[in-house]
N, C-alpha and C. Protein backbone atom coordinates (compact mmCIF):
# COMPACT_ATOMS: atom_id res chain seq x y z
N UNK A 1 -67.16 -69.81 49.09
CA UNK A 1 -66.87 -70.02 47.71
C UNK A 1 -65.42 -70.32 47.54
N UNK A 2 -65.31 -71.12 46.76
CA UNK A 2 -63.92 -71.46 46.54
C UNK A 2 -63.50 -70.98 45.17
N UNK A 3 -62.38 -70.53 45.19
CA UNK A 3 -61.84 -70.02 43.93
C UNK A 3 -60.85 -70.98 43.36
N UNK A 4 -60.96 -71.04 42.13
CA UNK A 4 -60.00 -71.91 41.47
C UNK A 4 -59.00 -70.99 40.78
N UNK A 5 -57.83 -71.15 41.17
CA UNK A 5 -56.78 -70.33 40.57
C UNK A 5 -56.07 -71.20 39.56
N UNK A 6 -56.09 -70.65 38.45
CA UNK A 6 -55.44 -71.40 37.39
C UNK A 6 -54.01 -70.92 37.30
N UNK A 7 -53.11 -71.76 37.35
CA UNK A 7 -51.72 -71.35 37.23
C UNK A 7 -51.10 -72.06 36.06
N UNK A 8 -50.22 -71.33 35.50
CA UNK A 8 -49.55 -71.91 34.34
C UNK A 8 -48.21 -72.45 34.79
N UNK A 9 -47.88 -73.44 34.21
CA UNK A 9 -46.59 -74.03 34.53
C UNK A 9 -45.48 -73.17 33.94
N UNK A 10 -44.32 -73.23 34.51
CA UNK A 10 -43.20 -72.44 33.99
C UNK A 10 -42.91 -72.72 32.53
N UNK A 11 -43.12 -73.88 32.07
CA UNK A 11 -42.85 -74.19 30.66
C UNK A 11 -43.80 -73.43 29.76
N UNK A 12 -45.07 -73.26 30.22
CA UNK A 12 -46.03 -72.52 29.43
C UNK A 12 -45.65 -71.04 29.34
N UNK A 13 -45.18 -70.49 30.44
CA UNK A 13 -44.76 -69.07 30.42
C UNK A 13 -43.58 -68.86 29.49
N UNK A 14 -42.66 -69.72 29.45
CA UNK A 14 -41.49 -69.61 28.60
C UNK A 14 -41.90 -69.66 27.13
N UNK A 15 -42.82 -70.51 26.82
CA UNK A 15 -43.28 -70.63 25.44
C UNK A 15 -44.01 -69.36 25.02
N UNK A 16 -44.80 -68.83 25.97
CA UNK A 16 -45.54 -67.60 25.69
C UNK A 16 -44.58 -66.43 25.45
N UNK A 17 -43.57 -66.27 26.33
CA UNK A 17 -42.63 -65.18 26.13
C UNK A 17 -41.81 -65.37 24.87
N UNK A 18 -41.54 -66.60 24.54
CA UNK A 18 -40.79 -66.84 23.31
C UNK A 18 -41.61 -66.43 22.11
N UNK A 19 -42.91 -66.65 22.15
CA UNK A 19 -43.79 -66.27 21.04
C UNK A 19 -43.85 -64.76 20.92
N UNK A 20 -43.98 -64.08 22.09
CA UNK A 20 -44.00 -62.61 22.06
C UNK A 20 -42.67 -62.07 21.54
N UNK A 21 -41.60 -62.66 21.99
CA UNK A 21 -40.26 -62.23 21.58
C UNK A 21 -40.07 -62.42 20.09
N UNK A 22 -40.54 -63.52 19.57
CA UNK A 22 -40.42 -63.79 18.14
C UNK A 22 -41.23 -62.79 17.34
N UNK A 23 -42.42 -62.45 17.82
CA UNK A 23 -43.25 -61.47 17.12
C UNK A 23 -42.57 -60.09 17.13
N UNK A 24 -41.96 -59.73 18.28
CA UNK A 24 -41.25 -58.44 18.37
C UNK A 24 -40.05 -58.40 17.45
N UNK A 25 -39.32 -59.50 17.42
CA UNK A 25 -38.15 -59.56 16.54
C UNK A 25 -38.56 -59.51 15.08
N UNK A 26 -39.68 -60.11 14.76
CA UNK A 26 -40.15 -60.09 13.38
C UNK A 26 -40.49 -58.67 12.96
N UNK A 27 -41.12 -57.90 13.87
CA UNK A 27 -41.44 -56.50 13.56
C UNK A 27 -40.17 -55.67 13.41
N UNK A 28 -39.22 -55.90 14.35
CA UNK A 28 -37.94 -55.17 14.26
C UNK A 28 -37.20 -55.58 13.01
N UNK A 29 -37.22 -56.84 12.69
CA UNK A 29 -36.52 -57.35 11.53
C UNK A 29 -37.07 -56.73 10.25
N UNK A 30 -38.39 -56.56 10.17
CA UNK A 30 -39.01 -55.94 9.00
C UNK A 30 -38.56 -54.48 8.89
N UNK A 31 -38.52 -53.77 10.03
CA UNK A 31 -38.08 -52.37 10.02
C UNK A 31 -36.61 -52.27 9.63
N UNK A 32 -35.78 -53.19 10.17
CA UNK A 32 -34.36 -53.19 9.83
C UNK A 32 -34.15 -53.48 8.35
N UNK A 33 -34.93 -54.44 7.84
CA UNK A 33 -34.80 -54.78 6.42
C UNK A 33 -35.18 -53.60 5.55
N UNK A 34 -36.24 -52.89 5.95
CA UNK A 34 -36.67 -51.72 5.18
C UNK A 34 -35.59 -50.65 5.22
N UNK A 35 -35.02 -50.42 6.42
CA UNK A 35 -33.95 -49.42 6.55
C UNK A 35 -32.72 -49.85 5.76
N UNK A 36 -32.37 -51.14 5.87
CA UNK A 36 -31.21 -51.64 5.14
C UNK A 36 -31.43 -51.56 3.64
N UNK A 37 -32.64 -51.91 3.19
CA UNK A 37 -32.88 -51.87 1.75
C UNK A 37 -32.86 -50.44 1.23
N UNK A 38 -33.35 -49.50 2.05
CA UNK A 38 -33.30 -48.08 1.65
C UNK A 38 -31.85 -47.61 1.59
N UNK A 39 -31.07 -47.97 2.62
CA UNK A 39 -29.66 -47.59 2.63
C UNK A 39 -28.92 -48.20 1.46
N UNK A 40 -29.21 -49.48 1.18
CA UNK A 40 -28.58 -50.15 0.06
C UNK A 40 -28.98 -49.50 -1.26
N UNK A 41 -30.24 -49.16 -1.38
CA UNK A 41 -30.73 -48.52 -2.59
C UNK A 41 -30.04 -47.17 -2.80
N UNK A 42 -29.95 -46.37 -1.75
CA UNK A 42 -29.28 -45.06 -1.85
C UNK A 42 -27.80 -45.23 -2.14
N UNK A 43 -27.15 -46.20 -1.49
CA UNK A 43 -25.72 -46.45 -1.74
C UNK A 43 -25.50 -46.90 -3.17
N UNK A 44 -26.41 -47.72 -3.68
CA UNK A 44 -26.29 -48.18 -5.05
C UNK A 44 -26.48 -47.04 -6.04
N UNK A 45 -27.42 -46.17 -5.73
CA UNK A 45 -27.74 -45.06 -6.64
C UNK A 45 -26.69 -43.95 -6.58
N UNK A 46 -26.28 -43.55 -5.37
CA UNK A 46 -25.41 -42.37 -5.20
C UNK A 46 -24.01 -42.69 -4.70
N UNK A 47 -23.74 -43.94 -4.40
CA UNK A 47 -22.45 -44.31 -3.85
C UNK A 47 -22.53 -44.35 -2.34
N UNK A 48 -21.64 -45.10 -1.76
CA UNK A 48 -21.64 -45.25 -0.31
C UNK A 48 -21.27 -43.92 0.34
N UNK A 49 -21.87 -43.58 1.48
CA UNK A 49 -21.55 -42.33 2.15
C UNK A 49 -20.10 -42.33 2.63
N UNK A 50 -19.49 -41.17 2.60
CA UNK A 50 -18.11 -41.03 3.05
C UNK A 50 -18.09 -41.05 4.57
N UNK A 51 -17.19 -41.83 5.15
CA UNK A 51 -17.11 -41.85 6.61
C UNK A 51 -16.75 -40.46 7.15
N UNK A 52 -17.22 -40.12 8.35
CA UNK A 52 -16.98 -38.78 8.90
C UNK A 52 -15.50 -38.44 9.04
N UNK A 53 -14.66 -39.41 9.39
CA UNK A 53 -13.23 -39.09 9.56
C UNK A 53 -12.59 -38.70 8.23
N UNK A 54 -13.06 -39.26 7.13
CA UNK A 54 -12.53 -38.88 5.81
C UNK A 54 -12.98 -37.47 5.43
N UNK A 55 -14.24 -37.13 5.74
CA UNK A 55 -14.73 -35.78 5.45
C UNK A 55 -13.95 -34.76 6.24
N UNK A 56 -13.69 -35.05 7.52
CA UNK A 56 -12.94 -34.13 8.36
C UNK A 56 -11.52 -33.95 7.83
N UNK A 57 -10.90 -35.06 7.42
CA UNK A 57 -9.54 -34.99 6.89
C UNK A 57 -9.51 -34.17 5.60
N UNK A 58 -10.49 -34.38 4.73
CA UNK A 58 -10.56 -33.61 3.48
C UNK A 58 -10.76 -32.13 3.77
N UNK A 59 -11.59 -31.81 4.76
CA UNK A 59 -11.80 -30.42 5.14
C UNK A 59 -10.51 -29.78 5.63
N UNK A 60 -9.78 -30.46 6.49
CA UNK A 60 -8.52 -29.91 7.01
C UNK A 60 -7.48 -29.77 5.90
N UNK A 61 -7.40 -30.74 5.01
CA UNK A 61 -6.45 -30.64 3.90
C UNK A 61 -6.79 -29.47 2.98
N UNK A 62 -8.06 -29.29 2.68
CA UNK A 62 -8.49 -28.17 1.84
C UNK A 62 -8.20 -26.84 2.52
N UNK A 63 -8.54 -26.74 3.80
CA UNK A 63 -8.28 -25.50 4.53
C UNK A 63 -6.78 -25.23 4.61
N UNK A 64 -5.99 -26.25 4.83
CA UNK A 64 -4.53 -26.07 4.89
C UNK A 64 -3.96 -25.63 3.55
N UNK A 65 -4.46 -26.23 2.48
CA UNK A 65 -3.99 -25.84 1.14
C UNK A 65 -4.35 -24.40 0.80
N UNK A 66 -5.58 -24.01 1.11
CA UNK A 66 -5.99 -22.62 0.86
C UNK A 66 -5.20 -21.65 1.72
N UNK A 67 -4.93 -22.04 2.97
CA UNK A 67 -4.12 -21.19 3.85
C UNK A 67 -2.72 -21.01 3.31
N UNK A 68 -2.12 -22.09 2.80
CA UNK A 68 -0.76 -22.00 2.24
C UNK A 68 -0.74 -21.10 1.00
N UNK A 69 -1.74 -21.22 0.15
CA UNK A 69 -1.82 -20.36 -1.04
C UNK A 69 -1.98 -18.90 -0.63
N UNK A 70 -2.82 -18.65 0.37
CA UNK A 70 -3.02 -17.28 0.85
C UNK A 70 -1.75 -16.68 1.42
N UNK A 71 -1.01 -17.45 2.20
CA UNK A 71 0.25 -16.96 2.77
C UNK A 71 1.26 -16.70 1.66
N UNK A 72 1.33 -17.58 0.67
CA UNK A 72 2.26 -17.37 -0.45
C UNK A 72 1.91 -16.09 -1.21
N UNK A 73 0.63 -15.84 -1.42
CA UNK A 73 0.21 -14.61 -2.12
C UNK A 73 0.59 -13.38 -1.31
N UNK A 74 0.38 -13.42 0.00
CA UNK A 74 0.75 -12.28 0.84
C UNK A 74 2.25 -12.03 0.82
N UNK A 75 3.05 -13.10 0.82
CA UNK A 75 4.51 -12.94 0.76
C UNK A 75 4.92 -12.30 -0.57
N UNK A 76 4.29 -12.75 -1.66
CA UNK A 76 4.64 -12.17 -2.97
C UNK A 76 4.28 -10.69 -3.03
N UNK A 77 3.13 -10.33 -2.48
CA UNK A 77 2.72 -8.93 -2.46
C UNK A 77 3.68 -8.11 -1.61
N UNK A 78 4.05 -8.63 -0.44
CA UNK A 78 4.96 -7.92 0.45
C UNK A 78 6.32 -7.71 -0.20
N UNK A 79 6.82 -8.73 -0.87
CA UNK A 79 8.11 -8.60 -1.55
C UNK A 79 8.02 -7.54 -2.64
N UNK A 80 6.92 -7.50 -3.37
CA UNK A 80 6.75 -6.49 -4.42
C UNK A 80 6.68 -5.08 -3.87
N UNK A 81 6.06 -4.90 -2.69
CA UNK A 81 5.97 -3.57 -2.09
C UNK A 81 7.31 -3.07 -1.58
N UNK A 82 8.13 -3.98 -1.07
CA UNK A 82 9.38 -3.56 -0.46
C UNK A 82 10.56 -3.64 -1.41
N UNK A 83 10.32 -4.07 -2.62
CA UNK A 83 11.39 -4.14 -3.61
C UNK A 83 11.75 -2.72 -4.05
N UNK A 84 13.04 -2.43 -4.12
CA UNK A 84 13.42 -1.07 -4.54
C UNK A 84 12.96 -0.80 -5.98
N UNK A 85 12.68 0.46 -6.24
CA UNK A 85 12.17 0.84 -7.55
C UNK A 85 12.73 2.20 -7.93
N UNK A 86 12.64 2.51 -9.20
CA UNK A 86 13.04 3.83 -9.69
C UNK A 86 11.78 4.55 -10.17
N UNK A 87 11.65 5.81 -9.78
CA UNK A 87 10.51 6.61 -10.23
C UNK A 87 11.04 7.93 -10.80
N UNK A 88 10.32 8.41 -11.78
CA UNK A 88 10.68 9.70 -12.37
C UNK A 88 9.51 10.67 -12.26
N UNK A 89 9.81 11.91 -11.97
CA UNK A 89 8.76 12.93 -11.95
C UNK A 89 9.26 14.12 -12.76
N UNK A 90 8.39 14.57 -13.64
CA UNK A 90 8.77 15.64 -14.55
C UNK A 90 8.74 16.99 -13.83
N UNK A 91 9.80 17.76 -14.07
CA UNK A 91 9.88 19.10 -13.50
C UNK A 91 9.48 20.14 -14.55
N UNK A 92 9.92 19.91 -15.79
CA UNK A 92 9.56 20.85 -16.86
C UNK A 92 10.12 20.40 -18.20
N UNK A 93 9.84 21.19 -19.22
CA UNK A 93 10.39 20.91 -20.56
C UNK A 93 10.52 22.25 -21.28
N UNK A 94 11.35 22.22 -22.35
CA UNK A 94 11.54 23.42 -23.17
C UNK A 94 11.68 22.98 -24.62
N UNK A 95 10.79 23.50 -25.48
CA UNK A 95 10.90 23.22 -26.91
C UNK A 95 11.96 24.16 -27.44
N UNK A 96 13.13 23.61 -27.77
CA UNK A 96 14.26 24.42 -28.23
C UNK A 96 14.03 24.88 -29.66
N UNK A 97 13.71 23.97 -30.55
CA UNK A 97 13.39 24.29 -31.95
C UNK A 97 12.67 23.10 -32.58
N UNK A 98 12.58 23.06 -33.92
CA UNK A 98 11.87 21.99 -34.62
C UNK A 98 12.54 20.63 -34.45
N UNK A 99 13.80 20.60 -34.03
CA UNK A 99 14.54 19.33 -33.97
C UNK A 99 14.94 18.91 -32.56
N UNK A 100 14.52 19.68 -31.54
CA UNK A 100 14.99 19.34 -30.20
C UNK A 100 14.04 19.84 -29.10
N UNK A 101 13.88 18.97 -28.06
CA UNK A 101 13.12 19.31 -26.86
C UNK A 101 14.01 18.98 -25.67
N UNK A 102 14.03 19.87 -24.69
CA UNK A 102 14.81 19.63 -23.48
C UNK A 102 13.83 19.28 -22.34
N UNK A 103 14.10 18.17 -21.63
CA UNK A 103 13.24 17.71 -20.53
C UNK A 103 14.03 17.76 -19.23
N UNK A 104 13.43 18.34 -18.21
CA UNK A 104 14.02 18.38 -16.87
C UNK A 104 13.17 17.49 -15.98
N UNK A 105 13.82 16.52 -15.29
CA UNK A 105 13.07 15.59 -14.45
C UNK A 105 13.90 15.13 -13.27
N UNK A 106 13.21 14.64 -12.23
CA UNK A 106 13.86 14.08 -11.04
C UNK A 106 13.71 12.56 -11.08
N UNK A 107 14.78 11.87 -10.71
CA UNK A 107 14.76 10.41 -10.62
C UNK A 107 15.04 10.05 -9.16
N UNK A 108 14.15 9.23 -8.60
CA UNK A 108 14.34 8.73 -7.24
C UNK A 108 14.60 7.23 -7.32
N UNK A 109 15.72 6.81 -6.73
CA UNK A 109 16.13 5.41 -6.79
C UNK A 109 17.09 5.15 -5.64
N UNK A 110 17.39 3.87 -5.33
CA UNK A 110 18.42 3.60 -4.34
C UNK A 110 19.76 4.19 -4.81
N UNK A 111 20.53 4.71 -3.87
CA UNK A 111 21.77 5.42 -4.22
C UNK A 111 22.74 4.57 -5.02
N UNK A 112 22.89 3.30 -4.68
CA UNK A 112 23.88 2.44 -5.33
C UNK A 112 23.38 1.80 -6.63
N UNK A 113 22.12 1.98 -6.95
CA UNK A 113 21.52 1.33 -8.12
C UNK A 113 21.66 2.18 -9.37
N UNK A 114 21.51 1.50 -10.52
CA UNK A 114 21.49 2.17 -11.82
C UNK A 114 20.09 2.05 -12.38
N UNK A 115 19.60 3.16 -12.95
CA UNK A 115 18.24 3.18 -13.51
C UNK A 115 18.28 3.65 -14.96
N UNK A 116 17.25 3.27 -15.69
CA UNK A 116 17.07 3.73 -17.06
C UNK A 116 15.70 4.37 -17.16
N UNK A 117 15.66 5.60 -17.70
CA UNK A 117 14.39 6.29 -17.90
C UNK A 117 14.20 6.52 -19.39
N UNK A 118 12.97 6.31 -19.85
CA UNK A 118 12.62 6.54 -21.25
C UNK A 118 11.83 7.84 -21.33
N UNK A 119 12.30 8.78 -22.17
CA UNK A 119 11.65 10.09 -22.35
C UNK A 119 11.12 10.18 -23.77
N UNK A 120 9.99 10.87 -23.94
CA UNK A 120 9.38 11.05 -25.26
C UNK A 120 9.13 12.53 -25.52
N UNK A 121 9.26 12.89 -26.78
CA UNK A 121 8.82 14.20 -27.26
C UNK A 121 7.56 13.95 -28.08
N UNK A 122 6.47 14.69 -27.77
CA UNK A 122 5.19 14.46 -28.43
C UNK A 122 4.77 15.67 -29.25
N UNK A 123 4.05 15.40 -30.34
CA UNK A 123 3.51 16.47 -31.18
C UNK A 123 2.19 16.95 -30.59
N UNK A 124 1.60 17.94 -31.25
CA UNK A 124 0.33 18.50 -30.79
C UNK A 124 -0.78 17.44 -30.74
N UNK A 125 -0.77 16.50 -31.66
CA UNK A 125 -1.77 15.43 -31.69
C UNK A 125 -1.33 14.21 -30.90
N UNK A 126 -0.35 14.33 -30.00
CA UNK A 126 0.20 13.27 -29.14
C UNK A 126 0.92 12.18 -29.92
N UNK A 127 1.37 12.51 -31.12
CA UNK A 127 2.21 11.58 -31.87
C UNK A 127 3.64 11.68 -31.35
N UNK A 128 4.37 10.61 -31.49
CA UNK A 128 5.75 10.60 -30.99
C UNK A 128 6.68 11.25 -32.01
N UNK A 129 7.37 12.32 -31.57
CA UNK A 129 8.32 13.03 -32.45
C UNK A 129 9.75 12.63 -32.15
N UNK A 130 9.99 12.06 -30.97
CA UNK A 130 11.33 11.62 -30.60
C UNK A 130 11.28 10.82 -29.30
N UNK A 131 12.30 9.98 -29.11
CA UNK A 131 12.38 9.15 -27.90
C UNK A 131 13.85 8.95 -27.55
N UNK A 132 14.14 8.88 -26.25
CA UNK A 132 15.51 8.66 -25.81
C UNK A 132 15.49 7.90 -24.48
N UNK A 133 16.47 6.99 -24.30
CA UNK A 133 16.67 6.30 -23.02
C UNK A 133 17.85 6.95 -22.32
N UNK A 134 17.64 7.29 -21.05
CA UNK A 134 18.69 7.92 -20.26
C UNK A 134 19.07 6.95 -19.13
N UNK A 135 20.37 6.68 -18.98
CA UNK A 135 20.85 5.81 -17.92
C UNK A 135 21.41 6.68 -16.80
N UNK A 136 20.96 6.42 -15.58
CA UNK A 136 21.40 7.17 -14.40
C UNK A 136 22.14 6.17 -13.51
N UNK A 137 23.43 6.38 -13.36
CA UNK A 137 24.26 5.48 -12.56
C UNK A 137 24.13 5.77 -11.07
N UNK A 138 24.97 5.11 -10.26
CA UNK A 138 24.94 5.34 -8.81
C UNK A 138 25.15 6.83 -8.49
N UNK A 139 24.40 7.32 -7.51
CA UNK A 139 24.47 8.72 -7.10
C UNK A 139 24.67 8.80 -5.59
N UNK A 140 24.95 9.99 -5.08
CA UNK A 140 25.13 10.17 -3.63
C UNK A 140 23.80 10.46 -2.93
N UNK A 141 22.75 10.70 -3.70
CA UNK A 141 21.44 11.00 -3.12
C UNK A 141 20.38 10.09 -3.74
N UNK A 142 19.26 9.96 -3.03
CA UNK A 142 18.16 9.14 -3.57
C UNK A 142 17.52 9.82 -4.77
N UNK A 143 17.38 11.14 -4.72
CA UNK A 143 16.72 11.88 -5.81
C UNK A 143 17.74 12.76 -6.51
N UNK A 144 17.75 12.65 -7.84
CA UNK A 144 18.69 13.40 -8.66
C UNK A 144 17.91 14.13 -9.75
N UNK A 145 18.25 15.41 -9.98
CA UNK A 145 17.62 16.17 -11.06
C UNK A 145 18.49 16.06 -12.31
N UNK A 146 17.82 15.76 -13.44
CA UNK A 146 18.53 15.54 -14.70
C UNK A 146 17.88 16.38 -15.79
N UNK A 147 18.72 16.92 -16.66
CA UNK A 147 18.25 17.65 -17.84
C UNK A 147 18.76 16.90 -19.07
N UNK A 148 17.85 16.56 -19.99
CA UNK A 148 18.21 15.78 -21.17
C UNK A 148 17.56 16.38 -22.41
N UNK A 149 18.31 16.31 -23.52
CA UNK A 149 17.79 16.77 -24.82
C UNK A 149 17.26 15.57 -25.59
N UNK A 150 16.10 15.76 -26.26
CA UNK A 150 15.51 14.73 -27.11
C UNK A 150 15.52 15.27 -28.53
N UNK A 151 16.16 14.51 -29.44
CA UNK A 151 16.14 14.88 -30.86
C UNK A 151 14.76 14.54 -31.42
N UNK A 152 14.18 15.47 -32.24
CA UNK A 152 12.83 15.26 -32.77
C UNK A 152 12.85 15.25 -34.29
N UNK A 153 11.87 14.59 -34.87
CA UNK A 153 11.75 14.52 -36.33
C UNK A 153 10.86 15.64 -36.86
N UNK A 154 10.07 16.25 -35.98
CA UNK A 154 9.22 17.38 -36.33
C UNK A 154 9.02 18.23 -35.09
N UNK A 155 8.33 19.31 -35.20
CA UNK A 155 8.10 20.20 -34.07
C UNK A 155 7.31 19.47 -32.99
N UNK A 156 7.88 19.40 -31.80
CA UNK A 156 7.20 18.77 -30.66
C UNK A 156 6.61 19.87 -29.79
N UNK A 157 5.54 19.54 -29.09
CA UNK A 157 4.92 20.53 -28.20
C UNK A 157 5.15 20.21 -26.73
N UNK A 158 5.65 19.01 -26.44
CA UNK A 158 5.92 18.63 -25.05
C UNK A 158 6.95 17.52 -24.98
N UNK A 159 7.54 17.38 -23.81
CA UNK A 159 8.45 16.27 -23.52
C UNK A 159 7.99 15.62 -22.23
N UNK A 160 7.89 14.28 -22.20
CA UNK A 160 7.36 13.58 -21.02
C UNK A 160 8.23 12.37 -20.68
N UNK A 161 8.06 11.90 -19.43
CA UNK A 161 8.72 10.67 -18.98
C UNK A 161 7.75 9.52 -19.24
N UNK A 162 8.18 8.55 -20.00
CA UNK A 162 7.33 7.37 -20.24
C UNK A 162 7.44 6.40 -19.07
N UNK A 163 8.69 6.06 -18.65
CA UNK A 163 8.90 5.14 -17.53
C UNK A 163 10.33 5.21 -17.04
N UNK A 164 10.53 4.77 -15.80
CA UNK A 164 11.86 4.61 -15.21
C UNK A 164 11.91 3.24 -14.54
N UNK A 165 13.00 2.51 -14.76
CA UNK A 165 13.18 1.18 -14.18
C UNK A 165 14.61 1.00 -13.71
N UNK A 166 14.77 0.16 -12.70
CA UNK A 166 16.12 -0.18 -12.25
C UNK A 166 16.73 -1.17 -13.23
N UNK A 167 18.02 -1.03 -13.47
CA UNK A 167 18.74 -1.96 -14.32
C UNK A 167 19.21 -3.10 -13.44
N UNK A 168 18.99 -4.34 -13.88
CA UNK A 168 19.36 -5.50 -13.06
C UNK A 168 20.84 -5.69 -13.00
């Protein structure tokens, strides 16, 4: 038996592969068009996506800005903690009569600084019967005991320290 082998000429094979290639490209082209149209539709609706390098730069700038603000806040807090201050603590009081109260208190401040303390004489109902500002100049010690009289408009039942501050 003889077999007849049919062979295709090289030109026929090229045409066949070109047809297959064209069909493959058409399918890919349809998928690309669908993907492109979806991307275009989303870009039109929501705006073009931000490139990754811009997002990274924005992230670093935001983190750097927040870090700088945090460091500035910590510096301000540290300066406030280490800033010298004047404090007063009450030792006692004595109601002398209807017109006067004597207050004994300690003031702690830097030795070379001047401080002002405000003292109040209060009535039984915590109304203010008298007030006085006392200035304490430079001293040889950090803590100084002071006795001050407060003139009152009526009978006071107590004398207290309202506040002490350093004079600038």
